[in-house]
Amino acid sequence: MKPVQPDALLSEVVGKEPCPRGEVVKKLWDYIKKHKLQDPKNKRMIIADDKLKPVFNGKKQVDMFEMTKLVSGHLK
């Protein structure tokens, strides 16, 4: 897969190095699980911390499908 470049906001979470889109999503999930950002009642919902809120366009919580869409806007 072709490497993509995360923008400044997303690179705070997944790192600055270009990598394939699938790897970006994997790193994002690793971050979410490490910081326990999944809603315990509904695992599809991701709770934004200070680093994720700008990536999620200021939203406090998004579902995992919306997250993928929002992250696409932060890749070049």
PDB file of N, CA and C in Angstrom:
ATOM      1  N   MET A   1       0.834  -1.189   0.000  1.00  0.00           N
ATOM      2  CA  MET A   1       0.000   0.000   0.000  1.00  0.00           C
ATOM      3  C   MET A   1       0.880   1.254   0.000  1.00  0.00           C
ATOM      4  N   LYS A   2       0.343   2.283  -0.627  1.00  0.00           N
ATOM      5  CA  LYS A   2       1.063   3.548  -0.732  1.00  0.00           C
ATOM      6  C   LYS A   2       1.090   4.272   0.624  1.00  0.00           C
ATOM      7  N   PRO A   3       2.262   4.730   1.049  1.00  0.00           N
ATOM      8  CA  PRO A   3       2.331   5.477   2.316  1.00  0.00           C
ATOM      9  C   PRO A   3       1.577   6.808   2.225  1.00  0.00           C
ATOM     10  N   VAL A   4       0.956   7.172   3.328  1.00  0.00           N
ATOM     11  CA  VAL A   4       0.273   8.461   3.441  1.00  0.00           C
ATOM     12  C   VAL A   4       0.936   9.251   4.566  1.00  0.00           C
ATOM     13  N   GLN A   5       0.828  10.560   4.490  1.00  0.00           N
ATOM     14  CA  GLN A   5       1.460  11.442   5.471  1.00  0.00           C
ATOM     15  C   GLN A   5       0.391  12.003   6.419  1.00  0.00           C
ATOM     16  N   PRO A   6       0.459  11.671   7.719  1.00  0.00           N
ATOM     17  CA  PRO A   6      -0.465  12.284   8.677  1.00  0.00           C
ATOM     18  C   PRO A   6      -0.156  13.781   8.828  1.00  0.00           C
ATOM     19  N   ASP A   7      -1.200  14.591   8.973  1.00  0.00           N
ATOM     20  CA  ASP A   7      -0.972  16.020   9.207  1.00  0.00           C
ATOM     21  C   ASP A   7      -0.517  16.236  10.656  1.00  0.00           C
ATOM     22  N   ALA A   8      -0.295  17.479  11.030  1.00  0.00           N
ATOM     23  CA  ALA A   8       0.257  17.798  12.356  1.00  0.00           C
ATOM     24  C   ALA A   8      -0.649  17.301  13.487  1.00  0.00           C
ATOM     25  N   LEU A   9      -1.968  17.435  13.343  1.00  0.00           N
ATOM     26  CA  LEU A   9      -2.887  17.012  14.400  1.00  0.00           C
ATOM     27  C   LEU A   9      -2.853  15.500  14.603  1.00  0.00           C
ATOM     28  N   LEU A  10      -2.935  14.762  13.505  1.00  0.00           N
ATOM     29  CA  LEU A  10      -2.945  13.303  13.592  1.00  0.00           C
ATOM     30  C   LEU A  10      -1.579  12.752  13.995  1.00  0.00           C
ATOM     31  N   SER A  11      -0.516  13.431  13.589  1.00  0.00           N
ATOM     32  CA  SER A  11       0.822  12.938  13.920  1.00  0.00           C
ATOM     33  C   SER A  11       1.091  12.977  15.432  1.00  0.00           C
ATOM     34  N   GLU A  12       0.342  13.775  16.163  1.00  0.00           N
ATOM     35  CA  GLU A  12       0.457  13.785  17.629  1.00  0.00           C
ATOM     36  C   GLU A  12       0.064  12.425  18.216  1.00  0.00           C
ATOM     37  N   VAL A  13      -0.776  11.687  17.481  1.00  0.00           N
ATOM     38  CA  VAL A  13      -1.275  10.400  17.955  1.00  0.00           C
ATOM     39  C   VAL A  13      -0.521   9.226  17.326  1.00  0.00           C
ATOM     40  N   VAL A  14      -0.298   9.278  16.015  1.00  0.00           N
ATOM     41  CA  VAL A  14       0.252   8.119  15.295  1.00  0.00           C
ATOM     42  C   VAL A  14       1.710   8.277  14.881  1.00  0.00           C
ATOM     43  N   GLY A  15       2.305   9.422  15.110  1.00  0.00           N
ATOM     44  CA  GLY A  15       3.691   9.650  14.707  1.00  0.00           C
ATOM     45  C   GLY A  15       3.767  10.403  13.388  1.00  0.00           C
ATOM     46  N   LYS A  16       4.946  10.930  13.094  1.00  0.00           N
ATOM     47  CA  LYS A  16       5.128  11.818  11.936  1.00  0.00           C
ATOM     48  C   LYS A  16       5.536  11.102  10.662  1.00  0.00           C
ATOM     49  N   GLU A  17       5.952   9.852  10.777  1.00  0.00           N
ATOM     50  CA  GLU A  17       6.458   9.127   9.611  1.00  0.00           C
ATOM     51  C   GLU A  17       5.330   8.699   8.677  1.00  0.00           C
ATOM     52  N   PRO A  18       5.534   8.830   7.352  1.00  0.00           N
ATOM     53  CA  PRO A  18       4.542   8.313   6.403  1.00  0.00           C
ATOM     54  C   PRO A  18       4.439   6.792   6.528  1.00  0.00           C
ATOM     55  N   CYS A  19       3.223   6.270   6.456  1.00  0.00           N
ATOM     56  CA  CYS A  19       3.006   4.824   6.500  1.00  0.00           C
ATOM     57  C   CYS A  19       1.691   4.507   5.800  1.00  0.00           C
ATOM     58  N   PRO A  20       1.472   3.245   5.438  1.00  0.00           N
ATOM     59  CA  PRO A  20       0.221   2.887   4.779  1.00  0.00           C
ATOM     60  C   PRO A  20      -0.994   3.213   5.646  1.00  0.00           C
ATOM     61  N   ARG A  21      -2.109   3.488   4.997  1.00  0.00           N
ATOM     62  CA  ARG A  21      -3.341   3.863   5.695  1.00  0.00           C
ATOM     63  C   ARG A  21      -3.730   2.830   6.757  1.00  0.00           C
ATOM     64  N   GLY A  22      -3.589   1.551   6.429  1.00  0.00           N
ATOM     65  CA  GLY A  22      -3.922   0.498   7.384  1.00  0.00           C
ATOM     66  C   GLY A  22      -3.082   0.577   8.644  1.00  0.00           C
ATOM     67  N   GLU A  23      -1.825   0.944   8.487  1.00  0.00           N
ATOM     68  CA  GLU A  23      -0.928   1.102   9.635  1.00  0.00           C
ATOM     69  C   GLU A  23      -1.336   2.308  10.481  1.00  0.00           C
ATOM     70  N   VAL A  24      -1.789   3.377   9.830  1.00  0.00           N
ATOM     71  CA  VAL A  24      -2.269   4.561  10.564  1.00  0.00           C
ATOM     72  C   VAL A  24      -3.455   4.166  11.441  1.00  0.00           C
ATOM     73  N   VAL A  25      -4.398   3.426  10.870  1.00  0.00           N
ATOM     74  CA  VAL A  25      -5.580   2.999  11.620  1.00  0.00           C
ATOM     75  C   VAL A  25      -5.171   2.078  12.772  1.00  0.00           C
ATOM     76  N   LYS A  26      -4.225   1.181  12.524  1.00  0.00           N
ATOM     77  CA  LYS A  26      -3.748   0.282  13.579  1.00  0.00           C
ATOM     78  C   LYS A  26      -3.130   1.075  14.728  1.00  0.00           C
ATOM     79  N   LYS A  27      -2.296   2.062  14.404  1.00  0.00           N
ATOM     80  CA  LYS A  27      -1.667   2.889  15.441  1.00  0.00           C
ATOM     81  C   LYS A  27      -2.718   3.674  16.219  1.00  0.00           C
ATOM     82  N   LEU A  28      -3.737   4.146  15.517  1.00  0.00           N
ATOM     83  CA  LEU A  28      -4.811   4.886  16.170  1.00  0.00           C
ATOM     84  C   LEU A  28      -5.553   3.982  17.159  1.00  0.00           C
ATOM     85  N   TRP A  29      -5.857   2.751  16.752  1.00  0.00           N
ATOM     86  CA  TRP A  29      -6.524   1.807  17.655  1.00  0.00           C
ATOM     87  C   TRP A  29      -5.627   1.442  18.832  1.00  0.00           C
ATOM     88  N   ASP A  30      -4.340   1.293  18.593  1.00  0.00           N
ATOM     89  CA  ASP A  30      -3.409   1.019  19.693  1.00  0.00           C
ATOM     90  C   ASP A  30      -3.469   2.146  20.724  1.00  0.00           C
ATOM     91  N   TYR A  31      -3.494   3.385  20.232  1.00  0.00           N
ATOM     92  CA  TYR A  31      -3.572   4.558  21.118  1.00  0.00           C
ATOM     93  C   TYR A  31      -4.888   4.537  21.905  1.00  0.00           C
ATOM     94  N   ILE A  32      -5.986   4.270  21.205  1.00  0.00           N
ATOM     95  CA  ILE A  32      -7.308   4.249  21.851  1.00  0.00           C
ATOM     96  C   ILE A  32      -7.354   3.193  22.950  1.00  0.00           C
ATOM     97  N   LYS A  33      -6.847   2.003  22.662  1.00  0.00           N
ATOM     98  CA  LYS A  33      -6.878   0.933  23.654  1.00  0.00           C
ATOM     99  C   LYS A  33      -5.915   1.199  24.815  1.00  0.00           C
ATOM    100  N   LYS A  34      -4.748   1.727  24.512  1.00  0.00           N
ATOM    101  CA  LYS A  34      -3.766   2.026  25.553  1.00  0.00           C
ATOM    102  C   LYS A  34      -4.311   3.039  26.556  1.00  0.00           C
ATOM    103  N   HIS A  35      -5.047   4.030  26.059  1.00  0.00           N
ATOM    104  CA  HIS A  35      -5.578   5.088  26.918  1.00  0.00           C
ATOM    105  C   HIS A  35      -7.025   4.847  27.348  1.00  0.00           C
ATOM    106  N   LYS A  36      -7.544   3.636  27.044  1.00  0.00           N
ATOM    107  CA  LYS A  36      -8.904   3.235  27.447  1.00  0.00           C
ATOM    108  C   LYS A  36      -9.945   4.268  27.018  1.00  0.00           C
ATOM    109  N   LEU A  37      -9.963   4.570  25.727  1.00  0.00           N
ATOM    110  CA  LEU A  37     -10.857   5.601  25.199  1.00  0.00           C
ATOM    111  C   LEU A  37     -12.119   5.043  24.547  1.00  0.00           C
ATOM    112  N   GLN A  38     -12.345   3.729  24.669  1.00  0.00           N
ATOM    113  CA  GLN A  38     -13.596   3.173  24.179  1.00  0.00           C
ATOM    114  C   GLN A  38     -14.641   3.292  25.282  1.00  0.00           C
ATOM    115  N   ASP A  39     -15.874   3.659  24.899  1.00  0.00           N
ATOM    116  CA  ASP A  39     -16.970   3.724  25.857  1.00  0.00           C
ATOM    117  C   ASP A  39     -17.205   2.307  26.396  1.00  0.00           C
ATOM    118  N   PRO A  40     -17.155   2.115  27.718  1.00  0.00           N
ATOM    119  CA  PRO A  40     -17.317   0.759  28.264  1.00  0.00           C
ATOM    120  C   PRO A  40     -18.694   0.148  27.985  1.00  0.00           C
ATOM    121  N   LYS A  41     -19.722   0.988  27.819  1.00  0.00           N
ATOM    122  CA  LYS A  41     -21.078   0.484  27.558  1.00  0.00           C
ATOM    123  C   LYS A  41     -21.302   0.191  26.084  1.00  0.00           C
ATOM    124  N   ASN A  42     -20.611   0.921  25.216  1.00  0.00           N
ATOM    125  CA  ASN A  42     -20.763   0.742  23.767  1.00  0.00           C
ATOM    126  C   ASN A  42     -19.371   0.854  23.146  1.00  0.00           C
ATOM    127  N   LYS A  43     -18.738  -0.274  22.893  1.00  0.00           N
ATOM    128  CA  LYS A  43     -17.350  -0.309  22.416  1.00  0.00           C
ATOM    129  C   LYS A  43     -17.166   0.341  21.044  1.00  0.00           C
ATOM    130  N   ARG A  44     -18.265   0.594  20.328  1.00  0.00           N
ATOM    131  CA  ARG A  44     -18.162   1.260  19.022  1.00  0.00           C
ATOM    132  C   ARG A  44     -17.867   2.750  19.160  1.00  0.00           C
ATOM    133  N   MET A  45     -18.152   3.288  20.326  1.00  0.00           N
ATOM    134  CA  MET A  45     -17.970   4.717  20.546  1.00  0.00           C
ATOM    135  C   MET A  45     -16.576   5.001  21.105  1.00  0.00           C
ATOM    136  N   ILE A  46     -15.923   6.004  20.515  1.00  0.00           N
ATOM    137  CA  ILE A  46     -14.586   6.409  20.927  1.00  0.00           C
ATOM    138  C   ILE A  46     -14.700   7.755  21.631  1.00  0.00           C
ATOM    139  N   ILE A  47     -14.148   7.844  22.814  1.00  0.00           N
ATOM    140  CA  ILE A  47     -14.159   9.077  23.596  1.00  0.00           C
ATOM    141  C   ILE A  47     -12.878   9.842  23.284  1.00  0.00           C
ATOM    142  N   ALA A  48     -13.020  11.086  22.887  1.00  0.00           N
ATOM    143  CA  ALA A  48     -11.858  11.885  22.492  1.00  0.00           C
ATOM    144  C   ALA A  48     -11.152  12.457  23.722  1.00  0.00           C
ATOM    145  N   ASP A  49      -9.839  12.271  23.777  1.00  0.00           N
ATOM    146  CA  ASP A  49      -9.032  12.951  24.787  1.00  0.00           C
ATOM    147  C   ASP A  49      -8.494  14.236  24.149  1.00  0.00           C
ATOM    148  N   ASP A  50      -7.588  14.914  24.823  1.00  0.00           N
ATOM    149  CA  ASP A  50      -7.080  16.195  24.318  1.00  0.00           C
ATOM    150  C   ASP A  50      -6.381  16.073  22.965  1.00  0.00           C
ATOM    151  N   LYS A  51      -5.728  14.940  22.701  1.00  0.00           N
ATOM    152  CA  LYS A  51      -5.041  14.764  21.418  1.00  0.00           C
ATOM    153  C   LYS A  51      -6.001  14.371  20.301  1.00  0.00           C
ATOM    154  N   LEU A  52      -7.045  13.616  20.626  1.00  0.00           N
ATOM    155  CA  LEU A  52      -7.975  13.155  19.589  1.00  0.00           C
ATOM    156  C   LEU A  52      -9.056  14.179  19.241  1.00  0.00           C
ATOM    157  N   LYS A  53      -9.393  15.043  20.174  1.00  0.00           N
ATOM    158  CA  LYS A  53     -10.480  16.000  19.927  1.00  0.00           C
ATOM    159  C   LYS A  53     -10.243  16.842  18.666  1.00  0.00           C
ATOM    160  N   PRO A  54      -9.031  17.373  18.429  1.00  0.00           N
ATOM    161  CA  PRO A  54      -8.812  18.127  17.180  1.00  0.00           C
ATOM    162  C   PRO A  54      -8.937  17.235  15.929  1.00  0.00           C
ATOM    163  N   VAL A  55      -8.530  15.984  16.037  1.00  0.00           N
ATOM    164  CA  VAL A  55      -8.652  15.048  14.911  1.00  0.00           C
ATOM    165  C   VAL A  55     -10.128  14.769  14.630  1.00  0.00           C
ATOM    166  N   PHE A  56     -10.945  14.751  15.681  1.00  0.00           N
ATOM    167  CA  PHE A  56     -12.379  14.487  15.552  1.00  0.00           C
ATOM    168  C   PHE A  56     -13.185  15.776  15.353  1.00  0.00           C
ATOM    169  N   ASN A  57     -12.533  16.827  14.881  1.00  0.00           N
ATOM    170  CA  ASN A  57     -13.184  18.124  14.623  1.00  0.00           C
ATOM    171  C   ASN A  57     -13.896  18.680  15.847  1.00  0.00           C
ATOM    172  N   GLY A  58     -13.297  18.499  17.019  1.00  0.00           N
ATOM    173  CA  GLY A  58     -13.833  19.065  18.247  1.00  0.00           C
ATOM    174  C   GLY A  58     -14.910  18.236  18.925  1.00  0.00           C
ATOM    175  N   LYS A  59     -15.282  17.108  18.335  1.00  0.00           N
ATOM    176  CA  LYS A  59     -16.329  16.273  18.932  1.00  0.00           C
ATOM    177  C   LYS A  59     -15.767  15.512  20.128  1.00  0.00           C
ATOM    178  N   LYS A  60     -16.606  15.355  21.169  1.00  0.00           N
ATOM    179  CA  LYS A  60     -16.182  14.654  22.378  1.00  0.00           C
ATOM    180  C   LYS A  60     -16.239  13.144  22.204  1.00  0.00           C
ATOM    181  N   GLN A  61     -17.099  12.670  21.282  1.00  0.00           N
ATOM    182  CA  GLN A  61     -17.263  11.245  21.092  1.00  0.00           C
ATOM    183  C   GLN A  61     -17.717  10.980  19.657  1.00  0.00           C
ATOM    184  N   VAL A  62     -17.156   9.941  19.033  1.00  0.00           N
ATOM    185  CA  VAL A  62     -17.558   9.545  17.686  1.00  0.00           C
ATOM    186  C   VAL A  62     -17.639   8.024  17.636  1.00  0.00           C
ATOM    187  N   ASP A  63     -18.425   7.498  16.675  1.00  0.00           N
ATOM    188  CA  ASP A  63     -18.409   6.045  16.526  1.00  0.00           C
ATOM    189  C   ASP A  63     -17.237   5.660  15.639  1.00  0.00           C
ATOM    190  N   MET A  64     -16.899   4.376  15.638  1.00  0.00           N
ATOM    191  CA  MET A  64     -15.669   3.955  14.959  1.00  0.00           C
ATOM    192  C   MET A  64     -15.729   4.173  13.453  1.00  0.00           C
ATOM    193  N   PHE A  65     -16.926   4.175  12.849  1.00  0.00           N
ATOM    194  CA  PHE A  65     -17.034   4.412  11.414  1.00  0.00           C
ATOM    195  C   PHE A  65     -16.818   5.891  11.089  1.00  0.00           C
ATOM    196  N   GLU A  66     -17.369   6.766  11.926  1.00  0.00           N
ATOM    197  CA  GLU A  66     -17.153   8.199  11.746  1.00  0.00           C
ATOM    198  C   GLU A  66     -15.678   8.540  11.983  1.00  0.00           C
ATOM    199  N   MET A  67     -15.044   7.851  12.932  1.00  0.00           N
ATOM    200  CA  MET A  67     -13.629   8.079  13.213  1.00  0.00           C
ATOM    201  C   MET A  67     -12.791   7.851  11.957  1.00  0.00           C
ATOM    202  N   THR A  68     -13.061   6.759  11.248  1.00  0.00           N
ATOM    203  CA  THR A  68     -12.308   6.448  10.033  1.00  0.00           C
ATOM    204  C   THR A  68     -12.483   7.544   9.006  1.00  0.00           C
ATOM    205  N   LYS A  69     -13.694   8.050   8.879  1.00  0.00           N
ATOM    206  CA  LYS A  69     -13.981   9.138   7.932  1.00  0.00           C
ATOM    207  C   LYS A  69     -13.231  10.413   8.328  1.00  0.00           C
ATOM    208  N   LEU A  70     -13.265  10.749   9.612  1.00  0.00           N
ATOM    209  CA  LEU A  70     -12.596  11.970  10.095  1.00  0.00           C
ATOM    210  C   LEU A  70     -11.089  11.874   9.932  1.00  0.00           C
ATOM    211  N   VAL A  71     -10.534  10.701  10.173  1.00  0.00           N
ATOM    212  CA  VAL A  71      -9.078  10.508  10.061  1.00  0.00           C
ATOM    213  C   VAL A  71      -8.635  10.699   8.597  1.00  0.00           C
ATOM    214  N   SER A  72      -9.464  10.296   7.656  1.00  0.00           N
ATOM    215  CA  SER A  72      -9.124  10.452   6.237  1.00  0.00           C
ATOM    216  C   SER A  72      -8.826  11.912   5.874  1.00  0.00           C
ATOM    217  N   GLY A  73      -9.508  12.825   6.545  1.00  0.00           N
ATOM    218  CA  GLY A  73      -9.290  14.243   6.302  1.00  0.00           C
ATOM    219  C   GLY A  73      -7.942  14.748   6.809  1.00  0.00           C
ATOM    220  N   HIS A  74      -7.251  13.928   7.592  1.00  0.00           N
ATOM    221  CA  HIS A  74      -5.964  14.319   8.165  1.00  0.00           C
ATOM    222  C   HIS A  74      -4.790  13.585   7.512  1.00  0.00           C
ATOM    223  N   LEU A  75      -5.052  12.947   6.357  1.00  0.00           N
ATOM    224  CA  LEU A  75      -4.003  12.231   5.632  1.00  0.00           C
ATOM    225  C   LEU A  75      -3.756  12.889   4.288  1.00  0.00           C
ATOM    226  N   LYS A  76      -2.487  12.957   3.894  1.00  0.00           N
ATOM    227  CA  LYS A  76      -2.132  13.568   2.606  1.00  0.00           C
ATOM    228  C   LYS A  76      -1.582  12.503   1.682  1.00  0.00           C
TER     229      LYS A  76
END
